[in-house]
Amino acid sequence: MITPRLRAVTAALALTALLAGCAAPAAEPTEAPSATTEAPSATAAPSTPTPSASPADEQDAPSEAPGVTVAPPAPEPPAWSGPSAVDTTDWQTFTMPGGEASFRLPPTWEVRDVNAFAPGTAEPAGYAHVYTDDGEHLLGLHLDAEPWTLRCDGPGVDARVLHEEPVELAIDTPGQLSTEVRFDALGVSGSMSISLTDGRPDAEGCTDSSVDVTSGADGIASVAFGTGSPGPSLTSPPSFAGFSSASRALELVDQDRLAAAWTIVRSLEVHP
């Protein structure tokens, strides 16, 4: 008679034998794999490049969110030492009616829209405008018996001086005179400008591009010469306008025309 206790012992022995039978192949002595023949070497270079990363590498690599584009950093303005030198050997000289001012310009360019400076009259302003040989208005000279100022209540202009050099006009001025190449950002685009300035803010707090001359200099009270002077059709000339940034302007502006305009402004002489 098989008692319950005997049945339990018999079942335990049978289970032990079954487990032993299943584990027998793993328990047999086996030779360890050779480090040089079977295991891949950590220092040996593969004979051919791996075409793709392993699944583990793909899991370790950071993933980018779909549909997200990272904007590249804004480019730095290109290195620029200012307008290049211009040979003015054959340039012509223009003198304002009355002889208050003169400047030089290329031999094939023209001076138009000239008005004599006449202090003490109803319209004392004297002006002259430079046009290139293809008809583009480039610069304007303005003489006025009363200093004119820029309005501060208009759209904001982000002005950036790209190049500046001091200049002498042989006249007594309150501030240090200089010629500036600037980038004036307005709205979605901007323009480059060349101006003669003394750098002093006007009565409204805006930086005035005119040069204030001390009283008694034969009635001349302010002088402005550049692409921002008041006068007929004196928006920025096409050669200098329509750029999205200062970097873009320096890349695309006609450098020969820019150098010529710079040289014209710096050739200005005022005769008090």
C-alpha atoms as a PDB file:
ATOM      1  CA  MET A   1       0.000   0.000   0.000  1.00  0.00           C
ATOM      2  CA  ILE A   2       1.393   3.375  -1.029  1.00  0.00           C
ATOM      3  CA  THR A   3       0.859   5.946   1.635  1.00  0.00           C
ATOM      4  CA  PRO A   4       0.479   9.675   0.918  1.00  0.00           C
ATOM      5  CA  ARG A   5       3.918  10.310   2.311  1.00  0.00           C
ATOM      6  CA  LEU A   6       5.429   7.702  -0.036  1.00  0.00           C
ATOM      7  CA  ARG A   7       3.595   9.280  -2.981  1.00  0.00           C
ATOM      8  CA  ALA A   8       5.125  12.676  -2.126  1.00  0.00           C
ATOM      9  CA  VAL A   9       8.619  11.237  -1.926  1.00  0.00           C
ATOM     10  CA  THR A  10       8.168   9.414  -5.228  1.00  0.00           C
ATOM     11  CA  ALA A  11       6.899  12.582  -6.947  1.00  0.00           C
ATOM     12  CA  ALA A  12       9.813  14.577  -5.599  1.00  0.00           C
ATOM     13  CA  LEU A  13      12.297  12.029  -6.892  1.00  0.00           C
ATOM     14  CA  ALA A  14      10.660  12.003 -10.311  1.00  0.00           C
ATOM     15  CA  LEU A  15      10.750  15.821 -10.536  1.00  0.00           C
ATOM     16  CA  THR A  16      14.405  15.864  -9.524  1.00  0.00           C
ATOM     17  CA  ALA A  17      15.246  13.336 -12.206  1.00  0.00           C
ATOM     18  CA  LEU A  18      13.329  15.300 -14.813  1.00  0.00           C
ATOM     19  CA  LEU A  19      15.130  18.538 -13.959  1.00  0.00           C
ATOM     20  CA  ALA A  20      18.460  16.759 -13.970  1.00  0.00           C
ATOM     21  CA  GLY A  21      17.707  15.393 -17.408  1.00  0.00           C
ATOM     22  CA  CYS A  22      16.845  18.815 -18.783  1.00  0.00           C
ATOM     23  CA  ALA A  23      19.979  20.477 -17.365  1.00  0.00           C
ATOM     24  CA  ALA A  24      22.365  17.701 -18.330  1.00  0.00           C
ATOM     25  CA  PRO A  25      23.587  19.241 -21.648  1.00  0.00           C
ATOM     26  CA  ALA A  26      24.505  22.541 -19.933  1.00  0.00           C
ATOM     27  CA  ALA A  27      26.360  20.674 -17.191  1.00  0.00           C
ATOM     28  CA  GLU A  28      28.654  18.887 -19.635  1.00  0.00           C
ATOM     29  CA  PRO A  29      32.192  20.325 -19.655  1.00  0.00           C
ATOM     30  CA  THR A  30      32.691  22.688 -22.620  1.00  0.00           C
ATOM     31  CA  GLU A  31      35.759  24.535 -23.848  1.00  0.00           C
ATOM     32  CA  ALA A  32      35.767  28.295 -23.259  1.00  0.00           C
ATOM     33  CA  PRO A  33      35.737  30.352 -26.491  1.00  0.00           C
ATOM     34  CA  SER A  34      39.101  31.628 -27.584  1.00  0.00           C
ATOM     35  CA  ALA A  35      39.582  35.388 -27.233  1.00  0.00           C
ATOM     36  CA  THR A  36      41.512  35.484 -30.493  1.00  0.00           C
ATOM     37  CA  THR A  37      39.460  33.155 -32.650  1.00  0.00           C
ATOM     38  CA  GLU A  38      35.830  33.482 -31.643  1.00  0.00           C
ATOM     39  CA  ALA A  39      35.370  36.684 -29.590  1.00  0.00           C
ATOM     40  CA  PRO A  40      35.642  39.953 -31.541  1.00  0.00           C
ATOM     41  CA  SER A  41      38.768  41.952 -30.740  1.00  0.00           C
ATOM     42  CA  ALA A  42      38.326  45.343 -29.089  1.00  0.00           C
ATOM     43  CA  THR A  43      41.355  46.806 -30.877  1.00  0.00           C
ATOM     44  CA  ALA A  44      41.249  45.165 -34.274  1.00  0.00           C
ATOM     45  CA  ALA A  45      39.993  47.437 -37.049  1.00  0.00           C
ATOM     46  CA  PRO A  46      37.101  46.016 -39.107  1.00  0.00           C
ATOM     47  CA  SER A  47      37.938  45.032 -42.651  1.00  0.00           C
ATOM     48  CA  THR A  48      34.971  46.932 -44.102  1.00  0.00           C
ATOM     49  CA  PRO A  49      33.080  49.984 -42.780  1.00  0.00           C
ATOM     50  CA  THR A  50      29.881  49.306 -40.925  1.00  0.00           C
ATOM     51  CA  PRO A  51      27.034  50.432 -43.149  1.00  0.00           C
ATOM     52  CA  SER A  52      24.670  51.439 -40.381  1.00  0.00           C
ATOM     53  CA  ALA A  53      24.538  51.903 -36.665  1.00  0.00           C
ATOM     54  CA  SER A  54      23.468  49.032 -34.475  1.00  0.00           C
ATOM     55  CA  PRO A  55      20.079  49.059 -32.739  1.00  0.00           C
ATOM     56  CA  ALA A  56      21.842  49.872 -29.482  1.00  0.00           C
ATOM     57  CA  ASP A  57      23.540  52.875 -31.080  1.00  0.00           C
ATOM     58  CA  GLU A  58      20.237  54.044 -32.503  1.00  0.00           C
ATOM     59  CA  GLN A  59      18.696  53.868 -29.036  1.00  0.00           C
ATOM     60  CA  ASP A  60      21.577  55.888 -27.548  1.00  0.00           C
ATOM     61  CA  ALA A  61      21.499  58.632 -30.250  1.00  0.00           C
ATOM     62  CA  PRO A  62      19.334  61.651 -29.322  1.00  0.00           C
ATOM     63  CA  SER A  63      16.197  61.941 -31.380  1.00  0.00           C
ATOM     64  CA  GLU A  64      14.772  65.221 -32.742  1.00  0.00           C
ATOM     65  CA  ALA A  65      11.143  66.091 -32.408  1.00  0.00           C
ATOM     66  CA  PRO A  66       9.370  65.699 -35.728  1.00  0.00           C
ATOM     67  CA  GLY A  67       8.554  68.916 -37.557  1.00  0.00           C
ATOM     68  CA  VAL A  68      10.934  71.089 -35.474  1.00  0.00           C
ATOM     69  CA  THR A  69      13.494  73.135 -37.417  1.00  0.00           C
ATOM     70  CA  VAL A  70      16.344  74.820 -35.576  1.00  0.00           C
ATOM     71  CA  ALA A  71      17.236  78.141 -37.191  1.00  0.00           C
ATOM     72  CA  PRO A  72      20.953  78.602 -37.905  1.00  0.00           C
ATOM     73  CA  PRO A  73      22.719  81.384 -36.017  1.00  0.00           C
ATOM     74  CA  ALA A  74      22.647  84.798 -37.653  1.00  0.00           C
ATOM     75  CA  PRO A  75      25.787  85.390 -39.731  1.00  0.00           C
ATOM     76  CA  GLU A  76      28.300  87.914 -38.499  1.00  0.00           C
ATOM     77  CA  PRO A  77      28.758  91.029 -40.636  1.00  0.00           C
ATOM     78  CA  PRO A  78      31.653  90.494 -43.024  1.00  0.00           C
ATOM     79  CA  ALA A  79      34.937  92.156 -42.127  1.00  0.00           C
ATOM     80  CA  TRP A  80      35.003  95.564 -43.796  1.00  0.00           C
ATOM     81  CA  SER A  81      37.607  98.289 -43.582  1.00  0.00           C
ATOM     82  CA  GLY A  82      35.518 100.920 -45.323  1.00  0.00           C
ATOM     83  CA  PRO A  83      35.154 102.112 -48.921  1.00  0.00           C
ATOM     84  CA  SER A  84      38.080 101.479 -51.216  1.00  0.00           C
ATOM     85  CA  ALA A  85      40.322 104.228 -52.549  1.00  0.00           C
ATOM     86  CA  VAL A  86      39.283 105.963 -55.762  1.00  0.00           C
ATOM     87  CA  ASP A  87      41.488 107.528 -58.412  1.00  0.00           C
ATOM     88  CA  THR A  88      40.233 111.117 -58.749  1.00  0.00           C
ATOM     89  CA  THR A  89      42.804 112.321 -61.263  1.00  0.00           C
ATOM     90  CA  ASP A  90      40.248 113.154 -63.959  1.00  0.00           C
ATOM     91  CA  TRP A  91      37.396 114.207 -61.656  1.00  0.00           C
ATOM     92  CA  GLN A  92      35.604 117.512 -62.237  1.00  0.00           C
ATOM     93  CA  THR A  93      34.950 120.178 -59.590  1.00  0.00           C
ATOM     94  CA  PHE A  94      31.514 121.683 -59.019  1.00  0.00           C
ATOM     95  CA  THR A  95      31.144 125.007 -57.165  1.00  0.00           C
ATOM     96  CA  MET A  96      27.837 126.191 -55.726  1.00  0.00           C
ATOM     97  CA  PRO A  97      26.417 129.429 -57.207  1.00  0.00           C
ATOM     98  CA  GLY A  98      27.790 132.114 -54.915  1.00  0.00           C
ATOM     99  CA  GLY A  99      30.897 130.074 -54.149  1.00  0.00           C
ATOM    100  CA  GLU A 100      29.919 128.903 -50.642  1.00  0.00           C
ATOM    101  CA  ALA A 101      30.817 125.265 -51.238  1.00  0.00           C
ATOM    102  CA  SER A 102      32.430 122.981 -53.794  1.00  0.00           C
ATOM    103  CA  PHE A 103      33.006 119.260 -54.276  1.00  0.00           C
ATOM    104  CA  ARG A 104      34.430 116.880 -56.856  1.00  0.00           C
ATOM    105  CA  LEU A 105      32.712 114.123 -58.806  1.00  0.00           C
ATOM    106  CA  PRO A 106      33.457 111.669 -61.643  1.00  0.00           C
ATOM    107  CA  PRO A 107      33.820 113.282 -65.080  1.00  0.00           C
ATOM    108  CA  THR A 108      30.716 111.604 -66.571  1.00  0.00           C
ATOM    109  CA  TRP A 109      28.403 112.286 -63.623  1.00  0.00           C
ATOM    110  CA  GLU A 110      26.143 115.353 -63.423  1.00  0.00           C
ATOM    111  CA  VAL A 111      25.024 117.933 -60.886  1.00  0.00           C
ATOM    112  CA  ARG A 112      21.331 118.808 -61.225  1.00  0.00           C
ATOM    113  CA  ASP A 113      18.560 120.548 -59.265  1.00  0.00           C
ATOM    114  CA  VAL A 114      20.870 123.373 -58.249  1.00  0.00           C
ATOM    115  CA  ASN A 115      19.633 126.291 -56.158  1.00  0.00           C
ATOM    116  CA  ALA A 116      21.895 129.149 -55.072  1.00  0.00           C
ATOM    117  CA  PHE A 117      22.341 129.772 -51.370  1.00  0.00           C
ATOM    118  CA  ALA A 118      20.716 133.142 -50.607  1.00  0.00           C
ATOM    119  CA  PRO A 119      20.695 134.053 -46.912  1.00  0.00           C
ATOM    120  CA  GLY A 120      18.213 136.754 -45.979  1.00  0.00           C
ATOM    121  CA  THR A 121      15.674 135.726 -48.632  1.00  0.00           C
ATOM    122  CA  ALA A 122      12.371 133.867 -48.297  1.00  0.00           C
ATOM    123  CA  GLU A 123      13.969 130.623 -49.481  1.00  0.00           C
ATOM    124  CA  PRO A 124      17.611 130.806 -48.458  1.00  0.00           C
ATOM    125  CA  ALA A 125      18.418 127.112 -48.870  1.00  0.00           C
ATOM    126  CA  GLY A 126      21.056 126.231 -51.399  1.00  0.00           C
ATOM    127  CA  TYR A 127      21.226 122.708 -52.753  1.00  0.00           C
ATOM    128  CA  ALA A 128      22.790 120.589 -55.468  1.00  0.00           C
ATOM    129  CA  HIS A 129      22.283 116.926 -56.319  1.00  0.00           C
ATOM    130  CA  VAL A 130      24.658 114.417 -57.851  1.00  0.00           C
ATOM    131  CA  TYR A 131      23.444 111.979 -60.505  1.00  0.00           C
ATOM    132  CA  THR A 132      25.410 109.083 -61.942  1.00  0.00           C
ATOM    133  CA  ASP A 133      25.990 108.638 -65.677  1.00  0.00           C
ATOM    134  CA  ASP A 134      23.018 106.234 -65.817  1.00  0.00           C
ATOM    135  CA  GLY A 135      20.668 108.787 -64.237  1.00  0.00           C
ATOM    136  CA  GLU A 136      20.542 107.541 -60.628  1.00  0.00           C
ATOM    137  CA  HIS A 137      20.333 110.161 -57.912  1.00  0.00           C
ATOM    138  CA  LEU A 138      23.131 109.401 -55.479  1.00  0.00           C
ATOM    139  CA  LEU A 139      23.905 112.364 -53.196  1.00  0.00           C
ATOM    140  CA  GLY A 140      22.563 115.728 -52.167  1.00  0.00           C
ATOM    141  CA  LEU A 141      24.237 118.834 -50.747  1.00  0.00           C
ATOM    142  CA  HIS A 142      22.110 121.198 -48.674  1.00  0.00           C
ATOM    143  CA  LEU A 143      23.026 124.606 -47.240  1.00  0.00           C
ATOM    144  CA  ASP A 144      20.550 126.325 -44.947  1.00  0.00           C
ATOM    145  CA  ALA A 145      20.537 129.532 -42.949  1.00  0.00           C
ATOM    146  CA  GLU A 146      18.513 127.862 -40.187  1.00  0.00           C
ATOM    147  CA  PRO A 147      19.470 124.414 -38.852  1.00  0.00           C
ATOM    148  CA  TRP A 148      16.848 121.849 -39.757  1.00  0.00           C
ATOM    149  CA  THR A 149      16.149 118.869 -37.551  1.00  0.00           C
ATOM    150  CA  LEU A 150      14.890 115.330 -37.933  1.00  0.00           C
ATOM    151  CA  ARG A 151      11.522 114.409 -36.453  1.00  0.00           C
ATOM    152  CA  CYS A 152      11.527 111.884 -33.613  1.00  0.00           C
ATOM    153  CA  ASP A 153       7.876 110.904 -33.815  1.00  0.00           C
ATOM    154  CA  GLY A 154       8.180 108.863 -37.009  1.00  0.00           C
ATOM    155  CA  PRO A 155       8.900 105.130 -37.370  1.00  0.00           C
ATOM    156  CA  GLY A 156      11.887 103.976 -35.403  1.00  0.00           C
ATOM    157  CA  VAL A 157      15.129 103.633 -37.319  1.00  0.00           C
ATOM    158  CA  ASP A 158      17.846 101.293 -36.095  1.00  0.00           C
ATOM    159  CA  ALA A 159      21.003 103.046 -37.298  1.00  0.00           C
ATOM    160  CA  ARG A 160      24.329 101.281 -37.186  1.00  0.00           C
ATOM    161  CA  VAL A 161      27.584 103.023 -38.088  1.00  0.00           C
ATOM    162  CA  LEU A 162      29.610 100.676 -40.293  1.00  0.00           C
ATOM    163  CA  HIS A 163      32.544 102.988 -40.952  1.00  0.00           C
ATOM    164  CA  GLU A 164      33.515 106.450 -39.757  1.00  0.00           C
ATOM    165  CA  GLU A 165      36.424 108.790 -40.382  1.00  0.00           C
ATOM    166  CA  PRO A 166      37.023 112.338 -39.140  1.00  0.00           C
ATOM    167  CA  VAL A 167      37.017 115.109 -41.733  1.00  0.00           C
ATOM    168  CA  GLU A 168      38.080 118.761 -41.816  1.00  0.00           C
ATOM    169  CA  LEU A 169      36.089 121.504 -43.567  1.00  0.00           C
ATOM    170  CA  ALA A 170      38.225 124.501 -42.576  1.00  0.00           C
ATOM    171  CA  ILE A 171      35.245 125.989 -40.706  1.00  0.00           C
ATOM    172  CA  ASP A 172      34.524 126.420 -37.019  1.00  0.00           C
ATOM    173  CA  THR A 173      31.965 123.809 -35.942  1.00  0.00           C
ATOM    174  CA  PRO A 174      30.696 122.945 -32.457  1.00  0.00           C
ATOM    175  CA  GLY A 175      31.441 119.210 -32.747  1.00  0.00           C
ATOM    176  CA  GLN A 176      33.964 116.868 -34.313  1.00  0.00           C
ATOM    177  CA  LEU A 177      33.081 116.412 -37.974  1.00  0.00           C
ATOM    178  CA  SER A 178      33.108 112.946 -39.486  1.00  0.00           C
ATOM    179  CA  THR A 179      31.913 111.069 -42.520  1.00  0.00           C
ATOM    180  CA  GLU A 180      29.828 107.986 -41.763  1.00  0.00           C
ATOM    181  CA  VAL A 181      28.679 104.949 -43.674  1.00  0.00           C
ATOM    182  CA  ARG A 182      25.615 103.670 -41.860  1.00  0.00           C
ATOM    183  CA  PHE A 183      22.998 100.985 -42.151  1.00  0.00           C
ATOM    184  CA  ASP A 184      19.548 102.339 -41.354  1.00  0.00           C
ATOM    185  CA  ALA A 185      17.034  99.563 -40.653  1.00  0.00           C
ATOM    186  CA  LEU A 186      13.432 100.561 -41.196  1.00  0.00           C
ATOM    187  CA  GLY A 187      10.638  97.978 -41.294  1.00  0.00           C
ATOM    188  CA  VAL A 188      11.532  94.758 -43.106  1.00  0.00           C
ATOM    189  CA  SER A 189      14.468  96.235 -45.007  1.00  0.00           C
ATOM    190  CA  GLY A 190      16.982  99.004 -44.690  1.00  0.00           C
ATOM    191  CA  SER A 191      19.486 101.081 -46.580  1.00  0.00           C
ATOM    192  CA  MET A 192      23.058 102.208 -46.426  1.00  0.00           C
ATOM    193  CA  SER A 193      23.721 105.915 -46.210  1.00  0.00           C
ATOM    194  CA  ILE A 194      26.691 108.235 -46.358  1.00  0.00           C
ATOM    195  CA  SER A 195      26.456 111.397 -44.308  1.00  0.00           C
ATOM    196  CA  LEU A 196      28.528 114.276 -43.083  1.00  0.00           C
ATOM    197  CA  THR A 197      27.748 114.764 -39.393  1.00  0.00           C
ATOM    198  CA  ASP A 198      28.990 116.407 -36.247  1.00  0.00           C
ATOM    199  CA  GLY A 199      27.353 113.693 -34.125  1.00  0.00           C
ATOM    200  CA  ARG A 200      25.443 116.111 -31.894  1.00  0.00           C
ATOM    201  CA  PRO A 201      21.782 115.482 -31.036  1.00  0.00           C
ATOM    202  CA  ASP A 202      19.365 118.144 -32.150  1.00  0.00           C
ATOM    203  CA  ALA A 203      16.771 119.907 -30.006  1.00  0.00           C
ATOM    204  CA  GLU A 204      14.413 116.908 -30.256  1.00  0.00           C
ATOM    205  CA  GLY A 205      17.080 114.457 -29.090  1.00  0.00           C
ATOM    206  CA  CYS A 206      17.537 112.857 -32.529  1.00  0.00           C
ATOM    207  CA  THR A 207      20.961 112.598 -34.097  1.00  0.00           C
ATOM    208  CA  ASP A 208      20.987 115.211 -36.829  1.00  0.00           C
ATOM    209  CA  SER A 209      23.024 114.431 -39.922  1.00  0.00           C
ATOM    210  CA  SER A 210      23.573 118.130 -40.634  1.00  0.00           C
ATOM    211  CA  VAL A 211      26.694 119.994 -39.623  1.00  0.00           C
ATOM    212  CA  ASP A 212      25.928 123.113 -37.618  1.00  0.00           C
ATOM    213  CA  VAL A 213      28.300 125.933 -38.484  1.00  0.00           C
ATOM    214  CA  THR A 214      28.864 128.725 -35.988  1.00  0.00           C
ATOM    215  CA  SER A 215      27.078 131.962 -36.712  1.00  0.00           C
ATOM    216  CA  GLY A 216      28.910 134.609 -38.688  1.00  0.00           C
ATOM    217  CA  ALA A 217      30.292 132.265 -41.338  1.00  0.00           C
ATOM    218  CA  ASP A 218      28.774 134.335 -44.170  1.00  0.00           C
ATOM    219  CA  GLY A 219      25.285 133.237 -43.183  1.00  0.00           C
ATOM    220  CA  ILE A 220      25.880 129.500 -43.504  1.00  0.00           C
ATOM    221  CA  ALA A 221      24.220 127.882 -40.485  1.00  0.00           C
ATOM    222  CA  SER A 222      23.993 124.210 -41.474  1.00  0.00           C
ATOM    223  CA  VAL A 223      25.485 121.916 -44.056  1.00  0.00           C
ATOM    224  CA  ALA A 224      24.306 118.445 -45.023  1.00  0.00           C
ATOM    225  CA  PHE A 225      25.820 116.193 -47.626  1.00  0.00           C
ATOM    226  CA  GLY A 226      24.864 112.576 -48.169  1.00  0.00           C
ATOM    227  CA  THR A 227      22.098 110.200 -49.171  1.00  0.00           C
ATOM    228  CA  GLY A 228      19.771 111.504 -46.471  1.00  0.00           C
ATOM    229  CA  SER A 229      19.745 115.225 -47.262  1.00  0.00           C
ATOM    230  CA  PRO A 230      16.416 116.958 -47.894  1.00  0.00           C
ATOM    231  CA  GLY A 231      15.558 117.775 -51.472  1.00  0.00           C
ATOM    232  CA  PRO A 232      13.740 116.461 -54.542  1.00  0.00           C
ATOM    233  CA  SER A 233      13.373 112.675 -54.605  1.00  0.00           C
ATOM    234  CA  LEU A 234      15.889 112.237 -51.825  1.00  0.00           C
ATOM    235  CA  THR A 235      15.044 108.738 -50.712  1.00  0.00           C
ATOM    236  CA  SER A 236      17.938 106.333 -50.476  1.00  0.00           C
ATOM    237  CA  PRO A 237      19.235 105.616 -53.978  1.00  0.00           C
ATOM    238  CA  PRO A 238      18.477 102.138 -55.382  1.00  0.00           C
ATOM    239  CA  SER A 239      22.136 101.158 -55.212  1.00  0.00           C
ATOM    240  CA  PHE A 240      22.045 101.473 -51.420  1.00  0.00           C
ATOM    241  CA  ALA A 241      18.484 100.443 -50.520  1.00  0.00           C
ATOM    242  CA  GLY A 242      16.386  97.319 -49.962  1.00  0.00           C
ATOM    243  CA  PHE A 243      18.668  95.155 -47.817  1.00  0.00           C
ATOM    244  CA  SER A 244      17.506  92.872 -45.005  1.00  0.00           C
ATOM    245  CA  SER A 245      20.580  93.407 -42.830  1.00  0.00           C
ATOM    246  CA  ALA A 246      23.906  95.213 -42.652  1.00  0.00           C
ATOM    247  CA  SER A 247      25.659  91.991 -43.641  1.00  0.00           C
ATOM    248  CA  ARG A 248      23.451  91.647 -46.693  1.00  0.00           C
ATOM    249  CA  ALA A 249      24.022  95.273 -47.640  1.00  0.00           C
ATOM    250  CA  LEU A 250      27.793  94.893 -47.537  1.00  0.00           C
ATOM    251  CA  GLU A 251      27.547  91.755 -49.656  1.00  0.00           C
ATOM    252  CA  LEU A 252      25.287  93.203 -52.356  1.00  0.00           C
ATOM    253  CA  VAL A 253      25.858  96.952 -52.511  1.00  0.00           C
ATOM    254  CA  ASP A 254      27.798  98.243 -55.513  1.00  0.00           C
ATOM    255  CA  GLN A 255      31.171  98.806 -53.880  1.00  0.00           C
ATOM    256  CA  ASP A 256      32.491 101.013 -56.704  1.00  0.00           C
ATOM    257  CA  ARG A 257      29.472 103.321 -56.448  1.00  0.00           C
ATOM    258  CA  LEU A 258      29.726 103.327 -52.660  1.00  0.00           C
ATOM    259  CA  ALA A 259      33.407 104.288 -52.837  1.00  0.00           C
ATOM    260  CA  ALA A 260      32.650 107.076 -55.325  1.00  0.00           C
ATOM    261  CA  ALA A 261      29.888 108.502 -53.111  1.00  0.00           C
ATOM    262  CA  TRP A 262      32.180 108.352 -50.068  1.00  0.00           C
ATOM    263  CA  THR A 263      34.930 110.188 -51.965  1.00  0.00           C
ATOM    264  CA  ILE A 264      32.518 112.887 -53.164  1.00  0.00           C
ATOM    265  CA  VAL A 265      31.323 113.629 -49.621  1.00  0.00           C
ATOM    266  CA  ARG A 266      34.880 113.773 -48.327  1.00  0.00           C
ATOM    267  CA  SER A 267      35.896 116.169 -51.128  1.00  0.00           C
ATOM    268  CA  LEU A 268      33.414 118.800 -49.887  1.00  0.00           C
ATOM    269  CA  GLU A 269      34.858 122.220 -49.126  1.00  0.00           C
ATOM    270  CA  VAL A 270      32.863 124.974 -47.462  1.00  0.00           C
ATOM    271  CA  HIS A 271      34.142 128.530 -48.024  1.00  0.00           C
ATOM    272  CA  PRO A 272      32.960 130.832 -45.210  1.00  0.00           C
END
